[in-house]
Amino acid sequence: MNALGYTSQDKIVDGICYGRHMMLFRKAHVKSDKVYARLYFRENGVVLHYYFSDVTKHATYIEKCPDYIKDVFVGEYATCTHCKGDKCKFRKSYQIAGKDYEKCNGLTFEFFHPSLDRLESYRDLFLEFYP
């Protein structure tokens, strides 16, 4: 992430409800609190969590991704249950391959147990959304 211009300032912070610890990645050298990615360190492993918007705009790219990436966008995990009603500000709605999806922003775009052999795919996905 550092090579891409994002930093955690080499800090590991309390993960609160996300896991025991986490690293927050923000754009380097910018005064903003916007978080672009997190690494959660949990009892059962590491989770990479990206924060994406305008997913439909990137649908063609996602359709061509390996299943371990595509499934995060089109799989059952993080499907919105409308727990906050129909006007929830945390809902991510988008379309891929002509199908509508609604995901809970607090859970979606999480990659469980990210492995080094997939690192290039994770990086390329991030750069698709944040060139």
Protein backbone atom coordinates (compact mmCIF):
# COMPACT_ATOMS: atom_id res chain seq x y z
CA MET A 1 0.00 0.00 0.00
CA ASN A 2 2.89 2.34 0.70
CA ALA A 3 4.15 1.91 -2.88
CA LEU A 4 0.68 2.91 -4.12
CA GLY A 5 0.71 6.15 -2.10
CA TYR A 6 -1.29 4.98 0.92
CA THR A 7 -0.06 4.69 4.47
CA SER A 8 -1.00 3.25 7.82
CA GLN A 9 1.84 5.26 9.36
CA ASP A 10 3.09 1.87 10.50
CA LYS A 11 0.46 1.88 13.25
CA ILE A 12 -1.56 -1.07 14.45
CA VAL A 13 -4.60 0.12 16.37
CA ASP A 14 -7.36 -1.44 18.44
CA GLY A 15 -9.76 -3.15 16.05
CA ILE A 16 -12.79 -2.65 18.27
CA CYS A 17 -15.51 -4.86 16.76
CA TYR A 18 -13.60 -5.64 13.55
CA GLY A 19 -10.93 -7.78 15.18
CA ARG A 20 -8.32 -7.60 17.87
CA HIS A 21 -6.12 -5.19 15.89
CA MET A 22 -6.18 -3.41 12.55
CA MET A 23 -4.22 -1.17 10.23
CA LEU A 24 -6.00 1.74 8.53
CA PHE A 25 -4.74 2.88 5.14
CA ARG A 26 -5.24 6.49 4.12
CA LYS A 27 -3.80 8.48 1.23
CA ALA A 28 -0.28 9.56 2.19
CA HIS A 29 0.57 13.27 2.54
CA VAL A 30 -3.10 14.30 2.52
CA LYS A 31 -5.03 15.78 5.44
CA SER A 32 -8.07 13.53 5.27
CA ASP A 33 -9.60 10.90 7.51
CA LYS A 34 -10.91 8.86 4.56
CA VAL A 35 -9.94 5.20 4.91
CA TYR A 36 -9.38 3.32 1.64
CA ALA A 37 -8.46 -0.08 3.07
CA ARG A 38 -8.07 -1.91 6.36
CA LEU A 39 -6.24 -5.00 7.46
CA TYR A 40 -7.98 -6.74 10.34
CA PHE A 41 -5.95 -9.09 12.52
CA ARG A 42 -8.40 -11.56 14.03
CA GLU A 43 -8.04 -14.70 16.09
CA ASN A 44 -8.72 -16.81 12.99
CA GLY A 45 -6.60 -14.88 10.49
CA VAL A 46 -6.18 -11.69 8.51
CA VAL A 47 -8.90 -9.90 6.53
CA LEU A 48 -8.28 -7.31 3.81
CA HIS A 49 -11.18 -4.84 3.58
CA TYR A 50 -11.43 -2.36 0.72
CA TYR A 51 -13.80 0.61 0.57
CA PHE A 52 -15.22 0.97 -2.93
CA SER A 53 -17.90 3.15 -4.48
CA ASP A 54 -19.42 3.31 -7.96
CA VAL A 55 -19.04 -0.45 -8.35
CA THR A 56 -21.27 -0.60 -11.43
CA LYS A 57 -18.75 1.62 -13.23
CA HIS A 58 -16.17 -1.15 -12.72
CA ALA A 59 -18.47 -4.09 -13.53
CA THR A 60 -16.66 -5.11 -16.73
CA TYR A 61 -13.36 -5.30 -14.85
CA ILE A 62 -14.91 -7.31 -11.99
CA GLU A 63 -16.52 -9.78 -14.41
CA LYS A 64 -13.05 -10.66 -15.71
CA CYS A 65 -11.50 -11.11 -12.24
CA PRO A 66 -10.61 -14.48 -10.75
CA ASP A 67 -13.43 -16.07 -8.73
CA TYR A 68 -11.76 -15.27 -5.39
CA ILE A 69 -12.24 -11.58 -6.21
CA LYS A 70 -15.47 -11.72 -8.19
CA ASP A 71 -17.23 -13.72 -5.44
CA VAL A 72 -16.74 -10.85 -2.99
CA PHE A 73 -18.92 -8.71 -5.27
CA VAL A 74 -21.49 -11.26 -6.46
CA GLY A 75 -21.52 -13.95 -3.74
CA GLU A 76 -23.95 -14.29 -0.85
CA TYR A 77 -21.64 -12.90 1.84
CA ALA A 78 -22.63 -9.42 3.07
CA THR A 79 -25.96 -9.42 1.24
CA CYS A 80 -28.04 -6.56 2.61
CA THR A 81 -30.91 -7.68 4.86
CA HIS A 82 -32.46 -4.19 5.05
CA CYS A 83 -31.88 -4.20 8.82
CA LYS A 84 -31.92 -0.38 8.82
CA GLY A 85 -34.90 -0.04 6.49
CA ASP A 86 -35.04 0.79 2.81
CA LYS A 87 -33.09 4.06 3.04
CA CYS A 88 -29.99 2.79 4.83
CA LYS A 89 -26.96 4.97 4.10
CA PHE A 90 -24.66 1.95 4.57
CA ARG A 91 -26.10 -0.05 1.67
CA LYS A 92 -24.00 -0.56 -1.44
CA SER A 93 -26.18 -1.06 -4.51
CA TYR A 94 -24.66 -1.92 -7.86
CA GLN A 95 -25.08 -4.01 -10.97
CA ILE A 96 -22.73 -6.62 -12.45
CA ALA A 97 -23.52 -8.64 -15.57
CA GLY A 98 -27.04 -7.20 -15.63
CA LYS A 99 -27.85 -8.37 -12.10
CA ASP A 100 -28.60 -6.04 -9.18
CA TYR A 101 -26.75 -6.48 -5.90
CA GLU A 102 -27.23 -4.91 -2.49
CA LYS A 103 -24.48 -5.37 0.07
CA CYS A 104 -23.92 -4.14 3.60
CA ASN A 105 -21.08 -1.62 3.42
CA GLY A 106 -19.84 -2.66 6.85
CA LEU A 107 -19.11 -6.18 5.59
CA THR A 108 -18.65 -6.16 1.85
CA PHE A 109 -15.39 -6.09 -0.10
CA GLU A 110 -13.67 -8.23 2.53
CA PHE A 111 -11.05 -10.75 1.46
CA PHE A 112 -10.52 -13.42 4.11
CA HIS A 113 -7.05 -14.90 4.55
CA PRO A 114 -5.44 -12.92 1.72
CA SER A 115 -2.41 -14.77 0.41
CA LEU A 116 0.79 -13.46 -1.09
CA ASP A 117 0.26 -15.38 -4.33
CA ARG A 118 -2.90 -13.28 -4.88
CA LEU A 119 -1.29 -9.98 -3.92
CA GLU A 120 -1.03 -8.75 -7.52
CA SER A 121 -4.77 -9.33 -8.07
CA TYR A 122 -5.65 -7.44 -4.88
CA ARG A 123 -3.36 -4.58 -5.92
CA ASP A 124 -4.81 -4.45 -9.44
CA LEU A 125 -8.35 -4.39 -8.05
CA PHE A 126 -7.45 -1.50 -5.76
CA LEU A 127 -5.89 0.40 -8.67
CA GLU A 128 -9.01 -0.15 -10.76
CA PHE A 129 -10.97 1.87 -8.20
CA TYR A 130 -8.18 4.26 -7.15
CA PRO A 131 -5.90 4.80 -10.18
